[in-house]
Amino acid sequence: MHNFSLLIILILFSQAVCAEVLKQVEIFGNKRTKKEAIIQHGRIKIGKELSEEDLQTVKENLGRIGQIHVKNVDFKDGTLKIEVEDKWTLFPVPMITQSGSYQNRGFLIYDDNFLGSIGTLAPGISWSNSILNYLLYYQDESLFNPQYGIKVLLLKKSEFVEFKRLDNVVDDHESRYNSYLVTPNYLYKEQVFKAGPVYIDKSIYKKDKRIFRDISKGIFFRHHWNAFQALEVMYEGFVTTYDLYALKNQTGKMVYLNEANISWSIPTNKSFLNYGLHAYHSNEKSYLFAKNLGGDEGFRGYDKASFPTSENIGGLVQYQQHLFHRFFLSPFYEYNNSKLIEPVQNGRRLSESTVGIGLRYYFKKISIPAVIFDAARNIDDNSNHFHINIGVSI
């Protein structure tokens, strides 16, 4: 009994020694990145006990901050000392796309540490087939505290889509969008919840004549599950996204759009296997869905990737073979089953298989494909498609 009591005392004593209260944080070497931002994104809790296990978690959190290089972390006498070095995070990024008859030329300024808060600001401007496009994107998921942040998006864009048969264009149209979005977010472990107001003005033009227009206002909700680890290029793990749009259109009808995406990346030495599944459905047959920003690898379909559908389900298998430096050769297969919106070809359904190969070069700093060249064949309509993208595509 005496030995048991002594053991309990030793355990309690060891816990008291290991778990010391964090009284203050000192950060050295951060010329641009704010101390408060490092503390927030590192999820450092001042005034709480910091055990050896907690300290290791803090080091891992700091290591995930891509805007700084962590040189040393030391905890002693209630003071956490962190030595860092700022990384260069301001880049001009081209926006050059050529896909079939669609073209877009412009650039954006990409700042991944805006005002030292570890937020992303990306204003951009470009000229497509017929209109001037612009983009203003800001996101900081831990702006207010480690769990709460915000995303703001102002976007004007156009897309030109061609439908081919035996390499002959049988139909074409242009889609134009104006979209404004503000979404506060909440972070919980690997999950991100976002919700906020959205405004979308969308039109379809044929031969410079508008044949369809709708203005919708409502609420946008998104759930991310980011179960991945960022690498120098690409990532390891998977990302899921679920989007819900609840909008009221010009006629007063409520339009609901549900969209889900799963992307899975598996490193194989320096190469990657990529898998993707995606689906969406709208209760409005004439609803023109505007991709707000970004998107998963693949899902190319016709030239310029985006064609106006009210229903869609599909998948992607892609292998990215490392060649040298950050160049990859990427054979892929993609399937899409889509129902076009009614203003386009009377809403007919498409079932398509596409095979192709791509060459891509990645930016190291922001881990997006800097240069993409895709050559693909649509098996179902016996047509060939070519896509060139340098920098960012909106």
Protein backbone atom coordinates (compact mmCIF):
# COMPACT_ATOMS: atom_id res chain seq x y z
CA MET A 1 0.00 0.00 0.00
CA HIS A 2 2.88 2.31 0.85
CA ASN A 3 4.52 1.58 -2.51
CA PHE A 4 1.23 2.25 -4.35
CA SER A 5 0.83 5.65 -2.63
CA LEU A 6 4.41 6.53 -3.51
CA LEU A 7 3.76 5.62 -7.14
CA ILE A 8 0.72 7.92 -7.28
CA ILE A 9 2.74 10.77 -5.79
CA LEU A 10 5.51 10.24 -8.36
CA ILE A 11 3.01 10.24 -11.24
CA LEU A 12 1.38 13.45 -10.05
CA PHE A 13 4.77 15.05 -9.53
CA SER A 14 5.94 14.08 -13.01
CA GLN A 15 2.76 15.52 -14.55
CA ALA A 16 3.27 18.78 -12.68
CA VAL A 17 6.86 18.97 -13.92
CA CYS A 18 5.95 18.16 -17.54
CA ALA A 19 2.96 20.48 -17.77
CA GLU A 20 4.20 24.02 -17.12
CA VAL A 21 1.98 27.05 -17.63
CA LEU A 22 2.75 29.05 -20.78
CA LYS A 23 3.07 32.65 -19.58
CA GLN A 24 4.42 34.44 -22.65
CA VAL A 25 5.57 33.97 -26.24
CA GLU A 26 8.64 35.60 -27.75
CA ILE A 27 9.12 35.49 -31.52
CA PHE A 28 12.33 36.45 -33.30
CA GLY A 29 13.16 36.97 -36.97
CA ASN A 30 9.65 37.83 -38.19
CA LYS A 31 10.19 40.99 -40.20
CA ARG A 32 6.81 40.86 -41.95
CA THR A 33 4.63 38.19 -40.36
CA LYS A 34 2.81 39.49 -37.30
CA LYS A 35 3.41 37.87 -33.94
CA GLU A 36 -0.34 37.56 -33.36
CA ALA A 37 -0.77 35.72 -36.67
CA ILE A 38 1.93 33.19 -35.80
CA ILE A 39 0.34 32.60 -32.38
CA GLN A 40 -3.12 32.15 -33.93
CA HIS A 41 -2.09 29.84 -36.76
CA GLY A 42 0.21 27.92 -34.41
CA ARG A 43 -2.79 27.46 -32.07
CA ILE A 44 -0.69 28.57 -29.10
CA LYS A 45 -2.72 29.05 -25.90
CA ILE A 46 -1.16 31.52 -23.48
CA GLY A 47 -2.14 30.95 -19.84
CA LYS A 48 -2.67 27.22 -20.35
CA GLU A 49 -0.43 24.35 -19.31
CA LEU A 50 2.00 23.25 -22.02
CA SER A 51 3.18 19.66 -21.71
CA GLU A 52 5.89 18.04 -23.81
CA GLU A 53 3.17 16.52 -25.98
CA ASP A 54 1.48 19.92 -26.38
CA LEU A 55 4.82 21.46 -27.33
CA GLN A 56 5.28 18.88 -30.07
CA THR A 57 1.80 19.73 -31.40
CA VAL A 58 2.70 23.44 -31.43
CA LYS A 59 5.86 22.66 -33.40
CA GLU A 60 3.81 20.68 -35.93
CA ASN A 61 1.29 23.53 -36.25
CA LEU A 62 4.07 26.06 -36.80
CA GLY A 63 5.64 23.78 -39.41
CA ARG A 64 2.39 23.85 -41.41
CA ILE A 65 2.53 27.64 -41.78
CA GLY A 66 3.83 27.95 -45.31
CA GLN A 67 4.66 31.66 -45.01
CA ILE A 68 7.48 31.19 -42.49
CA HIS A 69 10.46 28.91 -41.96
CA VAL A 70 10.71 27.78 -38.33
CA LYS A 71 14.35 27.69 -37.24
CA ASN A 72 14.00 26.91 -33.52
CA VAL A 73 11.36 26.43 -30.81
CA ASP A 74 12.25 26.37 -27.11
CA PHE A 75 10.06 26.36 -23.99
CA LYS A 76 11.61 27.21 -20.64
CA ASP A 77 10.50 28.93 -17.43
CA GLY A 78 7.02 29.63 -18.82
CA THR A 79 8.35 31.37 -21.96
CA LEU A 80 7.97 29.94 -25.45
CA LYS A 81 10.73 31.26 -27.72
CA ILE A 82 10.22 30.87 -31.47
CA GLU A 83 12.82 31.79 -34.07
CA VAL A 84 11.49 32.11 -37.62
CA GLU A 85 12.41 33.45 -41.02
CA ASP A 86 9.85 35.04 -43.33
CA LYS A 87 9.41 33.49 -46.77
CA TRP A 88 8.79 35.62 -49.85
CA THR A 89 5.04 35.43 -50.47
CA LEU A 90 4.25 38.11 -53.09
CA PHE A 91 4.18 36.86 -56.68
CA PRO A 92 2.87 38.09 -60.03
CA VAL A 93 1.03 35.15 -61.58
CA PRO A 94 -0.01 35.03 -65.26
CA MET A 95 -3.54 34.05 -66.32
CA ILE A 96 -3.16 32.68 -69.83
CA THR A 97 -5.58 30.08 -71.19
CA GLN A 98 -6.18 28.73 -74.68
CA SER A 99 -8.77 25.98 -75.01
CA GLY A 100 -10.45 25.38 -78.35
CA SER A 101 -11.65 28.82 -79.46
CA TYR A 102 -11.69 30.10 -75.88
CA GLN A 103 -8.86 32.38 -74.83
CA ASN A 104 -8.05 34.42 -71.74
CA ARG A 105 -5.06 36.71 -71.16
CA GLY A 106 -4.18 38.56 -67.97
CA PHE A 107 -2.42 38.36 -64.63
CA LEU A 108 -3.01 38.55 -60.90
CA ILE A 109 -0.94 39.56 -57.89
CA TYR A 110 -0.80 36.69 -55.40
CA ASP A 111 0.04 37.70 -51.82
CA ASP A 112 -0.02 34.74 -49.43
CA ASN A 113 0.81 36.83 -46.35
CA PHE A 114 -1.34 39.94 -46.80
CA LEU A 115 -0.46 42.62 -44.22
CA GLY A 116 1.50 39.97 -42.32
CA SER A 117 -1.68 38.20 -41.20
CA ILE A 118 -1.01 34.94 -43.15
CA GLY A 119 -4.10 35.63 -45.24
CA THR A 120 -4.28 35.41 -49.05
CA LEU A 121 -5.08 38.39 -51.28
CA ALA A 122 -5.29 37.89 -55.05
CA PRO A 123 -6.53 40.73 -57.29
CA GLY A 124 -6.46 39.96 -61.00
CA ILE A 125 -7.61 41.19 -64.39
CA SER A 126 -7.82 39.50 -67.80
CA TRP A 127 -9.40 39.74 -71.25
CA SER A 128 -11.28 36.77 -72.69
CA ASN A 129 -13.06 36.34 -76.04
CA SER A 130 -15.42 39.27 -75.59
CA ILE A 131 -15.27 40.86 -72.13
CA LEU A 132 -12.93 42.14 -69.46
CA ASN A 133 -12.73 39.73 -66.51
CA TYR A 134 -11.69 40.59 -62.97
CA LEU A 135 -11.07 38.82 -59.71
CA LEU A 136 -10.67 40.01 -56.14
CA TYR A 137 -10.09 37.16 -53.72
CA TYR A 138 -9.28 37.39 -50.01
CA GLN A 139 -9.19 34.57 -47.50
CA ASP A 140 -7.87 34.18 -43.98
CA GLU A 141 -9.41 31.25 -42.16
CA SER A 142 -7.90 32.36 -38.83
CA LEU A 143 -8.27 36.12 -39.16
CA PHE A 144 -10.24 36.79 -35.96
CA ASN A 145 -8.95 33.90 -33.83
CA PRO A 146 -7.64 30.36 -34.49
CA GLN A 147 -11.14 29.10 -35.34
CA TYR A 148 -12.81 32.04 -37.10
CA GLY A 149 -11.95 33.80 -40.35
CA ILE A 150 -13.50 35.02 -43.59
CA LYS A 151 -13.46 34.70 -47.37
CA VAL A 152 -14.43 37.46 -49.82
CA LEU A 153 -14.79 36.97 -53.56
CA LEU A 154 -15.70 39.40 -56.34
CA LEU A 155 -15.61 37.75 -59.74
CA LYS A 156 -16.53 38.58 -63.32
CA LYS A 157 -15.71 35.96 -65.94
CA SER A 158 -16.74 34.46 -69.25
CA GLU A 159 -16.33 31.03 -70.79
CA PHE A 160 -16.70 29.96 -74.41
CA VAL A 161 -17.81 26.36 -74.94
CA GLU A 162 -17.79 24.43 -78.21
CA PHE A 163 -19.61 21.17 -78.90
CA LYS A 164 -17.88 19.09 -81.54
CA ARG A 165 -18.56 16.03 -83.66
CA LEU A 166 -15.73 14.43 -85.64
CA ASP A 167 -13.69 17.55 -84.82
CA ASN A 168 -16.29 19.83 -86.42
CA VAL A 169 -18.00 22.45 -84.25
CA VAL A 170 -21.75 21.74 -84.24
CA ASP A 171 -22.74 24.26 -81.57
CA ASP A 172 -21.16 26.90 -79.36
CA HIS A 173 -22.14 29.49 -76.78
CA GLU A 174 -20.61 31.89 -74.29
CA SER A 175 -21.41 31.97 -70.57
CA ARG A 176 -20.90 35.13 -68.53
CA TYR A 177 -20.98 35.43 -64.73
CA ASN A 178 -20.87 38.14 -62.11
CA SER A 179 -20.51 36.64 -58.65
CA TYR A 180 -20.07 38.22 -55.21
CA LEU A 181 -19.52 36.11 -52.12
CA VAL A 182 -18.75 36.77 -48.43
CA THR A 183 -18.39 33.73 -46.17
CA PRO A 184 -17.23 33.75 -42.55
CA ASN A 185 -15.81 30.39 -41.51
CA TYR A 186 -15.38 28.14 -38.49
CA LEU A 187 -12.49 25.66 -38.19
CA TYR A 188 -12.83 22.43 -36.25
CA LYS A 189 -9.79 20.16 -36.43
CA GLU A 190 -9.51 19.13 -40.12
CA GLN A 191 -12.93 20.52 -41.03
CA VAL A 192 -13.92 23.96 -42.32
CA PHE A 193 -17.49 25.30 -42.23
CA LYS A 194 -18.37 28.38 -44.30
CA ALA A 195 -21.64 30.21 -44.84
CA GLY A 196 -22.65 33.64 -46.10
CA PRO A 197 -24.52 35.71 -48.70
CA VAL A 198 -23.96 35.19 -52.42
CA TYR A 199 -25.08 37.11 -55.53
CA ILE A 200 -24.85 35.59 -59.03
CA ASP A 201 -25.77 37.29 -62.32
CA LYS A 202 -25.48 34.79 -65.15
CA SER A 203 -26.13 34.92 -68.90
CA ILE A 204 -25.71 32.80 -72.02
CA TYR A 205 -24.81 34.42 -75.34
CA LYS A 206 -24.94 32.93 -78.82
CA LYS A 207 -23.36 34.89 -81.67
CA ASP A 208 -23.14 37.93 -79.33
CA LYS A 209 -26.89 37.74 -78.66
CA ARG A 210 -28.10 37.03 -75.15
CA ILE A 211 -30.49 34.07 -75.10
CA PHE A 212 -30.76 33.56 -71.34
CA ARG A 213 -30.23 35.55 -68.14
CA ASP A 214 -30.92 35.01 -64.47
CA ILE A 215 -30.03 36.94 -61.31
CA SER A 216 -30.00 34.95 -58.08
CA LYS A 217 -29.44 35.98 -54.46
CA GLY A 218 -29.23 33.81 -51.40
CA ILE A 219 -27.02 31.84 -49.04
CA PHE A 220 -23.94 29.78 -49.80
CA PHE A 221 -22.75 27.00 -47.46
CA ARG A 222 -19.55 24.96 -47.76
CA HIS A 223 -18.01 22.14 -45.76
CA HIS A 224 -14.37 21.13 -46.28
CA TRP A 225 -12.68 18.08 -44.84
CA ASN A 226 -8.96 18.61 -45.32
CA ALA A 227 -7.42 15.25 -44.42
CA PHE A 228 -4.15 15.88 -46.20
CA GLN A 229 -0.55 16.89 -45.73
CA ALA A 230 0.84 19.56 -48.03
CA LEU A 231 4.02 18.62 -49.86
CA GLU A 232 6.47 20.69 -51.88
CA VAL A 233 4.31 19.84 -54.89
CA MET A 234 0.74 18.57 -54.55
CA TYR A 235 -0.35 16.87 -51.33
CA GLU A 236 -0.85 13.47 -49.69
CA GLY A 237 -4.33 12.45 -48.54
CA PHE A 238 -7.78 13.55 -49.54
CA VAL A 239 -10.01 16.61 -49.60
CA THR A 240 -13.80 16.56 -49.62
CA THR A 241 -16.01 19.53 -50.41
CA TYR A 242 -19.77 19.87 -50.11
CA ASP A 243 -21.49 23.04 -51.37
CA LEU A 244 -25.10 24.10 -50.98
CA TYR A 245 -26.58 27.11 -52.74
CA ALA A 246 -30.04 28.26 -51.60
CA LEU A 247 -31.01 31.06 -54.00
CA LYS A 248 -34.07 33.02 -55.04
CA ASN A 249 -34.15 33.83 -58.74
CA GLN A 250 -35.85 36.67 -60.61
CA THR A 251 -39.21 34.88 -60.71
CA GLY A 252 -39.18 34.36 -56.95
CA LYS A 253 -38.56 30.62 -57.23
CA MET A 254 -36.16 29.02 -54.76
CA VAL A 255 -33.27 27.30 -56.50
CA TYR A 256 -31.17 24.72 -54.66
CA LEU A 257 -27.85 23.44 -55.90
CA ASN A 258 -26.00 20.60 -54.18
CA GLU A 259 -22.43 19.85 -55.19
CA ALA A 260 -19.93 17.34 -53.78
CA ASN A 261 -16.29 16.67 -54.67
CA ILE A 262 -13.73 14.18 -53.40
CA SER A 263 -10.07 14.44 -54.41
CA TRP A 264 -7.50 11.86 -53.33
CA SER A 265 -3.77 12.18 -53.95
CA ILE A 266 -1.34 9.30 -53.36
CA PRO A 267 2.41 9.97 -53.66
CA THR A 268 4.46 7.20 -55.27
CA ASN A 269 8.06 8.23 -54.74
CA LYS A 270 8.17 11.57 -56.62
CA SER A 271 5.07 10.83 -58.70
CA PHE A 272 1.36 10.95 -57.83
CA LEU A 273 -1.85 9.00 -58.34
CA ASN A 274 -4.93 11.25 -58.41
CA TYR A 275 -8.53 10.13 -58.06
CA GLY A 276 -11.61 12.29 -58.11
CA LEU A 277 -15.37 11.94 -57.85
CA HIS A 278 -17.82 14.79 -58.33
CA ALA A 279 -21.56 15.30 -58.59
CA TYR A 280 -24.07 18.10 -58.47
CA HIS A 281 -27.77 18.59 -58.92
CA SER A 282 -30.07 21.58 -59.26
CA ASN A 283 -33.85 21.61 -58.99
CA GLU A 284 -33.95 24.28 -61.73
CA LYS A 285 -33.43 22.91 -65.25
CA SER A 286 -32.23 26.30 -66.52
CA TYR A 287 -29.89 27.03 -63.64
CA LEU A 288 -26.47 28.13 -64.89
CA PHE A 289 -23.90 27.15 -62.29
CA ALA A 290 -20.83 29.36 -61.98
CA LYS A 291 -17.64 27.84 -60.62
CA ASN A 292 -16.49 30.51 -58.20
CA LEU A 293 -12.77 29.84 -57.96
CA GLY A 294 -10.34 26.99 -58.31
CA GLY A 295 -11.53 23.44 -58.82
CA ASP A 296 -10.21 19.93 -58.79
CA GLU A 297 -7.77 18.36 -61.19
CA GLY A 298 -9.41 17.15 -64.37
CA PHE A 299 -13.17 17.17 -64.92
CA ARG A 300 -12.32 18.64 -68.31
CA GLY A 301 -15.25 17.48 -70.42
CA TYR A 302 -15.39 19.82 -73.39
CA ASP A 303 -12.84 22.55 -73.93
CA LYS A 304 -12.52 24.99 -71.04
CA ALA A 305 -13.82 22.35 -68.61
CA SER A 306 -17.08 24.04 -67.70
CA PHE A 307 -20.29 23.38 -69.56
CA PRO A 308 -23.69 24.43 -68.23
CA THR A 309 -25.51 21.49 -66.68
CA SER A 310 -28.31 21.05 -64.18
CA GLU A 311 -27.13 17.53 -63.29
CA ASN A 312 -23.66 16.04 -63.38
CA ILE A 313 -21.79 13.02 -62.07
CA GLY A 314 -18.32 11.91 -63.01
CA GLY A 315 -14.87 10.81 -62.03
CA LEU A 316 -11.19 11.11 -62.83
CA VAL A 317 -8.17 8.82 -62.70
CA GLN A 318 -4.82 10.48 -63.32
CA TYR A 319 -1.18 9.49 -62.91
CA GLN A 320 1.42 12.24 -62.65
CA GLN A 321 4.81 10.80 -63.56
CA HIS A 322 7.70 12.92 -62.31
CA LEU A 323 10.12 13.77 -65.10
CA PHE A 324 12.63 16.23 -63.61
CA HIS A 325 12.63 19.34 -61.41
CA ARG A 326 8.86 20.01 -60.99
CA PHE A 327 7.77 18.71 -64.42
CA PHE A 328 5.19 15.92 -64.58
CA LEU A 329 3.71 13.83 -67.41
CA SER A 330 0.03 13.09 -66.67
CA PRO A 331 -2.04 10.51 -68.55
CA PHE A 332 -5.69 10.59 -67.45
CA TYR A 333 -9.14 9.12 -67.96
CA GLU A 334 -12.34 10.97 -67.17
CA TYR A 335 -16.03 10.17 -67.29
CA ASN A 336 -18.88 12.68 -67.20
CA ASN A 337 -22.63 12.13 -67.30
CA SER A 338 -24.35 15.50 -67.62
CA LYS A 339 -27.73 17.00 -68.39
CA LEU A 340 -27.37 20.35 -70.13
CA ILE A 341 -29.51 23.27 -69.02
CA GLU A 342 -32.56 23.87 -71.20
CA PRO A 343 -31.30 26.96 -73.11
CA VAL A 344 -28.43 24.80 -74.47
CA GLN A 345 -29.36 22.06 -76.98
CA ASN A 346 -32.79 21.72 -75.34
CA GLY A 347 -31.30 20.23 -72.20
CA ARG A 348 -30.06 16.99 -73.72
CA ARG A 349 -28.07 14.46 -71.68
CA LEU A 350 -24.42 13.68 -72.42
CA SER A 351 -22.49 10.56 -71.43
CA GLU A 352 -18.82 11.02 -72.21
CA SER A 353 -15.49 9.30 -71.75
CA THR A 354 -12.31 11.27 -72.30
CA VAL A 355 -8.73 9.98 -72.43
CA GLY A 356 -5.67 12.13 -72.73
CA ILE A 357 -2.24 13.12 -71.58
CA GLY A 358 -0.93 16.31 -70.05
CA LEU A 359 2.37 17.97 -69.32
CA ARG A 360 2.50 20.22 -66.27
CA TYR A 361 5.00 22.28 -64.32
CA TYR A 362 4.27 23.33 -60.74
CA PHE A 363 5.02 26.53 -58.88
CA LYS A 364 6.89 25.59 -55.72
CA LYS A 365 5.78 28.50 -53.58
CA ILE A 366 2.02 28.23 -54.07
CA SER A 367 1.82 24.57 -55.23
CA ILE A 368 -0.44 25.09 -58.23
CA PRO A 369 0.27 24.00 -61.81
CA ALA A 370 2.17 26.87 -63.40
CA VAL A 371 2.03 25.44 -66.91
CA ILE A 372 -0.49 22.88 -68.19
CA PHE A 373 -0.78 21.38 -71.65
CA ASP A 374 -3.52 18.77 -72.13
CA ALA A 375 -4.30 16.82 -75.28
CA ALA A 376 -7.44 14.68 -75.00
CA ARG A 377 -9.85 12.72 -77.13
CA ASN A 378 -13.55 12.57 -76.41
CA ILE A 379 -14.38 8.96 -77.27
CA ASP A 380 -18.11 9.54 -77.59
CA ASP A 381 -18.09 12.41 -80.10
CA ASN A 382 -14.81 11.40 -81.79
CA SER A 383 -13.26 14.83 -81.31
CA ASN A 384 -9.87 16.02 -80.12
CA HIS A 385 -9.37 18.73 -77.53
CA PHE A 386 -6.33 20.78 -76.59
CA HIS A 387 -5.90 22.93 -73.51
CA ILE A 388 -3.02 25.25 -72.59
CA ASN A 389 -2.90 27.10 -69.29
CA ILE A 390 -0.10 29.23 -67.85
CA GLY A 391 -0.55 30.38 -64.27
CA VAL A 392 -4.05 30.60 -62.82
CA SER A 393 -7.34 29.90 -64.57
CA ILE A 394 -10.56 31.47 -63.29
